[in-house]
Amino acid sequence: MKIMNNIQKGNYFYKIIECRSFSEFPDVKSGCLSILDYLMIAGRDQEVTFYFDELREKVDERVSDNDFILSVFYLTRSDVQVLEQSFSAWHSLSGFRKKVKKELVNKMIKSKEFSHPFSGEQLTEKEFYDAVIPYFVVTQFFLDHKNDKI
């Protein structure tokens, strides 16, 4: 179910997005507003993680996949502070996915030397991106100010 944009008219985060110019990527604004609708209405908190697929379901299909990805990352910007990106990988000793330090992921991407973050096994770039999965959480700033009005 798609949620109507601007349900929270006057809300701090909606105003931040509405006041920005997205002249080159107008669908990025639409994507951001759709994701905000979902986060506001769903009453999400810090304990919940969001993968790209879950967020994609909440954004109109007319927004291209590329504009959707730009929307998600726009919401992670330090001047917006709605989402924070994290990474996880399978931890064989514990039997479940565990958080991977962002600095470690960035270092491997920059150096193009990939290994499994927990086992140390050397990986190809494709294997690395299959093993290390990005996810998003709402920021504490978002939780503290999601009901603020302007």
C-alpha atoms as a PDB file:
ATOM      1  CA  MET A   1       0.000   0.000   0.000  1.00  0.00           C
ATOM      2  CA  LYS A   2       1.385   3.374  -1.012  1.00  0.00           C
ATOM      3  CA  ILE A   3       0.897   6.200   1.466  1.00  0.00           C
ATOM      4  CA  MET A   4      -0.007   9.711   0.318  1.00  0.00           C
ATOM      5  CA  ASN A   5       2.822  12.238   0.503  1.00  0.00           C
ATOM      6  CA  ASN A   6       2.562  15.223   2.804  1.00  0.00           C
ATOM      7  CA  ILE A   7       0.309  13.621   5.386  1.00  0.00           C
ATOM      8  CA  GLN A   8       2.463  15.391   7.949  1.00  0.00           C
ATOM      9  CA  LYS A   9       2.281  18.862   6.335  1.00  0.00           C
ATOM     10  CA  GLY A  10       4.297  21.293   8.436  1.00  0.00           C
ATOM     11  CA  ASN A  11       6.493  18.538   9.841  1.00  0.00           C
ATOM     12  CA  TYR A  12      10.182  19.433  10.164  1.00  0.00           C
ATOM     13  CA  PHE A  13      11.468  16.616   7.917  1.00  0.00           C
ATOM     14  CA  TYR A  14       8.856  17.140   5.214  1.00  0.00           C
ATOM     15  CA  LYS A  15       9.738  20.834   5.127  1.00  0.00           C
ATOM     16  CA  ILE A  16      13.449  20.014   4.737  1.00  0.00           C
ATOM     17  CA  ILE A  17      12.674  17.904   1.673  1.00  0.00           C
ATOM     18  CA  GLU A  18       9.991  20.207   0.247  1.00  0.00           C
ATOM     19  CA  CYS A  19      12.302  23.249   0.406  1.00  0.00           C
ATOM     20  CA  ARG A  20      15.163  21.551  -1.442  1.00  0.00           C
ATOM     21  CA  SER A  21      15.688  21.890  -5.166  1.00  0.00           C
ATOM     22  CA  PHE A  22      15.855  18.592  -7.007  1.00  0.00           C
ATOM     23  CA  SER A  23      15.797  20.151 -10.469  1.00  0.00           C
ATOM     24  CA  GLU A  24      17.930  17.444 -12.076  1.00  0.00           C
ATOM     25  CA  PHE A  25      16.202  14.588 -10.244  1.00  0.00           C
ATOM     26  CA  PRO A  26      12.572  15.550  -9.475  1.00  0.00           C
ATOM     27  CA  ASP A  27      11.652  11.934  -8.697  1.00  0.00           C
ATOM     28  CA  VAL A  28      14.240  11.885  -5.903  1.00  0.00           C
ATOM     29  CA  LYS A  29      12.058  14.348  -3.981  1.00  0.00           C
ATOM     30  CA  SER A  30       9.028  12.120  -4.536  1.00  0.00           C
ATOM     31  CA  GLY A  31      11.030   9.099  -3.369  1.00  0.00           C
ATOM     32  CA  CYS A  32      12.201  10.914  -0.235  1.00  0.00           C
ATOM     33  CA  LEU A  33       8.645  11.974   0.627  1.00  0.00           C
ATOM     34  CA  SER A  34       7.320   8.443   0.115  1.00  0.00           C
ATOM     35  CA  ILE A  35       9.985   6.990   2.390  1.00  0.00           C
ATOM     36  CA  LEU A  36       9.238   9.673   5.008  1.00  0.00           C
ATOM     37  CA  ASP A  37       5.540   8.766   4.823  1.00  0.00           C
ATOM     38  CA  TYR A  38       6.408   5.161   5.502  1.00  0.00           C
ATOM     39  CA  LEU A  39       8.737   5.967   8.403  1.00  0.00           C
ATOM     40  CA  MET A  40       6.247   8.384   9.995  1.00  0.00           C
ATOM     41  CA  ILE A  41       3.106   6.329   9.608  1.00  0.00           C
ATOM     42  CA  ALA A  42       4.641   2.966  10.380  1.00  0.00           C
ATOM     43  CA  GLY A  43       5.879   4.314  13.727  1.00  0.00           C
ATOM     44  CA  ARG A  44       9.289   2.778  13.165  1.00  0.00           C
ATOM     45  CA  ASP A  45      11.899   2.975  15.871  1.00  0.00           C
ATOM     46  CA  GLN A  46      15.617   2.365  16.165  1.00  0.00           C
ATOM     47  CA  GLU A  47      15.268  -1.364  16.655  1.00  0.00           C
ATOM     48  CA  VAL A  48      14.035  -1.889  13.111  1.00  0.00           C
ATOM     49  CA  THR A  49      16.336  -2.224  10.132  1.00  0.00           C
ATOM     50  CA  PHE A  50      15.349  -1.446   6.573  1.00  0.00           C
ATOM     51  CA  TYR A  51      16.844  -3.100   3.536  1.00  0.00           C
ATOM     52  CA  PHE A  52      16.546  -1.546   0.087  1.00  0.00           C
ATOM     53  CA  ASP A  53      13.802  -4.003  -0.933  1.00  0.00           C
ATOM     54  CA  GLU A  54      11.555  -3.075   1.995  1.00  0.00           C
ATOM     55  CA  LEU A  55      11.933   0.647   1.356  1.00  0.00           C
ATOM     56  CA  ARG A  56      11.480   0.166  -2.403  1.00  0.00           C
ATOM     57  CA  GLU A  57       8.036  -1.343  -1.823  1.00  0.00           C
ATOM     58  CA  LYS A  58       6.922   1.956  -0.286  1.00  0.00           C
ATOM     59  CA  VAL A  59       7.951   4.153  -3.223  1.00  0.00           C
ATOM     60  CA  ASP A  60       5.849   4.569  -6.364  1.00  0.00           C
ATOM     61  CA  GLU A  61       7.029   2.347  -9.212  1.00  0.00           C
ATOM     62  CA  ARG A  62       7.167   5.419 -11.466  1.00  0.00           C
ATOM     63  CA  VAL A  63      10.265   6.481  -9.504  1.00  0.00           C
ATOM     64  CA  SER A  64      13.139   4.742 -11.282  1.00  0.00           C
ATOM     65  CA  ASP A  65      15.375   2.384  -9.331  1.00  0.00           C
ATOM     66  CA  ASN A  66      18.260   4.843  -9.715  1.00  0.00           C
ATOM     67  CA  ASP A  67      16.181   7.753  -8.336  1.00  0.00           C
ATOM     68  CA  PHE A  68      14.974   5.514  -5.516  1.00  0.00           C
ATOM     69  CA  ILE A  69      18.562   4.710  -4.511  1.00  0.00           C
ATOM     70  CA  LEU A  70      19.426   8.419  -4.649  1.00  0.00           C
ATOM     71  CA  SER A  71      16.383   9.115  -2.428  1.00  0.00           C
ATOM     72  CA  VAL A  72      17.532   6.651   0.223  1.00  0.00           C
ATOM     73  CA  PHE A  73      21.033   8.089   0.275  1.00  0.00           C
ATOM     74  CA  TYR A  74      19.673  11.642   0.302  1.00  0.00           C
ATOM     75  CA  LEU A  75      17.923  10.784   3.571  1.00  0.00           C
ATOM     76  CA  THR A  76      21.289   9.692   5.032  1.00  0.00           C
ATOM     77  CA  ARG A  77      22.898  13.102   4.422  1.00  0.00           C
ATOM     78  CA  SER A  78      24.223  14.862   7.524  1.00  0.00           C
ATOM     79  CA  ASP A  79      22.027  17.903   6.834  1.00  0.00           C
ATOM     80  CA  VAL A  80      18.889  15.721   6.638  1.00  0.00           C
ATOM     81  CA  GLN A  81      19.604  13.022   9.276  1.00  0.00           C
ATOM     82  CA  VAL A  82      16.670  10.691   8.722  1.00  0.00           C
ATOM     83  CA  LEU A  83      18.481   7.421   7.967  1.00  0.00           C
ATOM     84  CA  GLU A  84      21.871   6.015   8.810  1.00  0.00           C
ATOM     85  CA  GLN A  85      23.546   3.394   6.663  1.00  0.00           C
ATOM     86  CA  SER A  86      25.104   0.339   8.252  1.00  0.00           C
ATOM     87  CA  PHE A  87      26.398  -3.005   6.974  1.00  0.00           C
ATOM     88  CA  SER A  88      25.998  -6.606   8.068  1.00  0.00           C
ATOM     89  CA  ALA A  89      27.543  -9.951   7.171  1.00  0.00           C
ATOM     90  CA  TRP A  90      27.008 -13.558   8.174  1.00  0.00           C
ATOM     91  CA  HIS A  91      28.931 -14.459  11.326  1.00  0.00           C
ATOM     92  CA  SER A  92      29.377 -18.230  11.229  1.00  0.00           C
ATOM     93  CA  LEU A  93      30.274 -18.643  14.925  1.00  0.00           C
ATOM     94  CA  SER A  94      27.092 -16.949  16.129  1.00  0.00           C
ATOM     95  CA  GLY A  95      24.898 -18.283  13.330  1.00  0.00           C
ATOM     96  CA  PHE A  96      23.390 -14.945  12.328  1.00  0.00           C
ATOM     97  CA  ARG A  97      24.179 -11.648  10.600  1.00  0.00           C
ATOM     98  CA  LYS A  98      26.194  -9.139  12.618  1.00  0.00           C
ATOM     99  CA  LYS A  99      26.977  -5.495  12.110  1.00  0.00           C
ATOM    100  CA  VAL A 100      30.217  -4.718  10.257  1.00  0.00           C
ATOM    101  CA  LYS A 101      32.140  -1.549  11.013  1.00  0.00           C
ATOM    102  CA  LYS A 102      31.470   1.043   8.321  1.00  0.00           C
ATOM    103  CA  GLU A 103      35.124   2.089   8.333  1.00  0.00           C
ATOM    104  CA  LEU A 104      36.211  -1.454   7.474  1.00  0.00           C
ATOM    105  CA  VAL A 105      33.755  -1.666   4.564  1.00  0.00           C
ATOM    106  CA  ASN A 106      34.841   1.734   3.232  1.00  0.00           C
ATOM    107  CA  LYS A 107      38.519   0.762   3.515  1.00  0.00           C
ATOM    108  CA  MET A 108      37.983  -2.419   1.478  1.00  0.00           C
ATOM    109  CA  ILE A 109      35.940  -0.618  -1.156  1.00  0.00           C
ATOM    110  CA  LYS A 110      38.550   2.106  -1.478  1.00  0.00           C
ATOM    111  CA  SER A 111      41.497  -0.312  -1.683  1.00  0.00           C
ATOM    112  CA  LYS A 112      39.609  -2.859  -3.834  1.00  0.00           C
ATOM    113  CA  GLU A 113      41.017  -5.577  -1.538  1.00  0.00           C
ATOM    114  CA  PHE A 114      38.043  -7.598  -0.366  1.00  0.00           C
ATOM    115  CA  SER A 115      37.757 -10.153   2.394  1.00  0.00           C
ATOM    116  CA  HIS A 116      35.004 -11.478   4.598  1.00  0.00           C
ATOM    117  CA  PRO A 117      34.830  -9.079   7.569  1.00  0.00           C
ATOM    118  CA  PHE A 118      34.648 -11.876  10.148  1.00  0.00           C
ATOM    119  CA  SER A 119      36.449 -14.876   8.662  1.00  0.00           C
ATOM    120  CA  GLY A 120      39.128 -12.933   6.788  1.00  0.00           C
ATOM    121  CA  GLU A 121      38.622 -15.145   3.713  1.00  0.00           C
ATOM    122  CA  GLN A 122      39.667 -13.357   0.517  1.00  0.00           C
ATOM    123  CA  LEU A 123      36.692 -12.457  -1.687  1.00  0.00           C
ATOM    124  CA  THR A 124      36.150 -11.160  -5.178  1.00  0.00           C
ATOM    125  CA  GLU A 125      34.363  -7.832  -5.427  1.00  0.00           C
ATOM    126  CA  LYS A 126      31.104  -9.581  -6.347  1.00  0.00           C
ATOM    127  CA  GLU A 127      31.440 -12.055  -3.461  1.00  0.00           C
ATOM    128  CA  PHE A 128      32.079  -9.139  -1.103  1.00  0.00           C
ATOM    129  CA  TYR A 129      28.928  -7.297  -2.201  1.00  0.00           C
ATOM    130  CA  ASP A 130      26.944 -10.521  -1.881  1.00  0.00           C
ATOM    131  CA  ALA A 131      28.278 -11.104   1.657  1.00  0.00           C
ATOM    132  CA  VAL A 132      28.241  -7.551   3.043  1.00  0.00           C
ATOM    133  CA  ILE A 133      24.714  -6.181   2.883  1.00  0.00           C
ATOM    134  CA  PRO A 134      23.817  -2.514   3.461  1.00  0.00           C
ATOM    135  CA  TYR A 135      20.862  -1.708   5.683  1.00  0.00           C
ATOM    136  CA  PHE A 136      19.418   1.447   7.181  1.00  0.00           C
ATOM    137  CA  VAL A 137      18.089   2.548  10.557  1.00  0.00           C
ATOM    138  CA  VAL A 138      16.359   5.753  11.524  1.00  0.00           C
ATOM    139  CA  THR A 139      18.645   8.187  13.310  1.00  0.00           C
ATOM    140  CA  GLN A 140      18.192   9.260  16.897  1.00  0.00           C
ATOM    141  CA  PHE A 141      17.788  12.802  15.526  1.00  0.00           C
ATOM    142  CA  PHE A 142      14.816  11.601  13.466  1.00  0.00           C
ATOM    143  CA  LEU A 143      13.259   9.874  16.478  1.00  0.00           C
ATOM    144  CA  ASP A 144      13.764  12.967  18.644  1.00  0.00           C
ATOM    145  CA  HIS A 145      12.265  15.375  16.075  1.00  0.00           C
ATOM    146  CA  LYS A 146       9.829  13.361  13.952  1.00  0.00           C
ATOM    147  CA  ASN A 147       6.832  15.127  15.516  1.00  0.00           C
ATOM    148  CA  ASP A 148       8.332  18.638  15.359  1.00  0.00           C
ATOM    149  CA  LYS A 149       6.452  21.224  13.332  1.00  0.00           C
ATOM    150  CA  ILE A 150       7.772  24.260  11.522  1.00  0.00           C
END
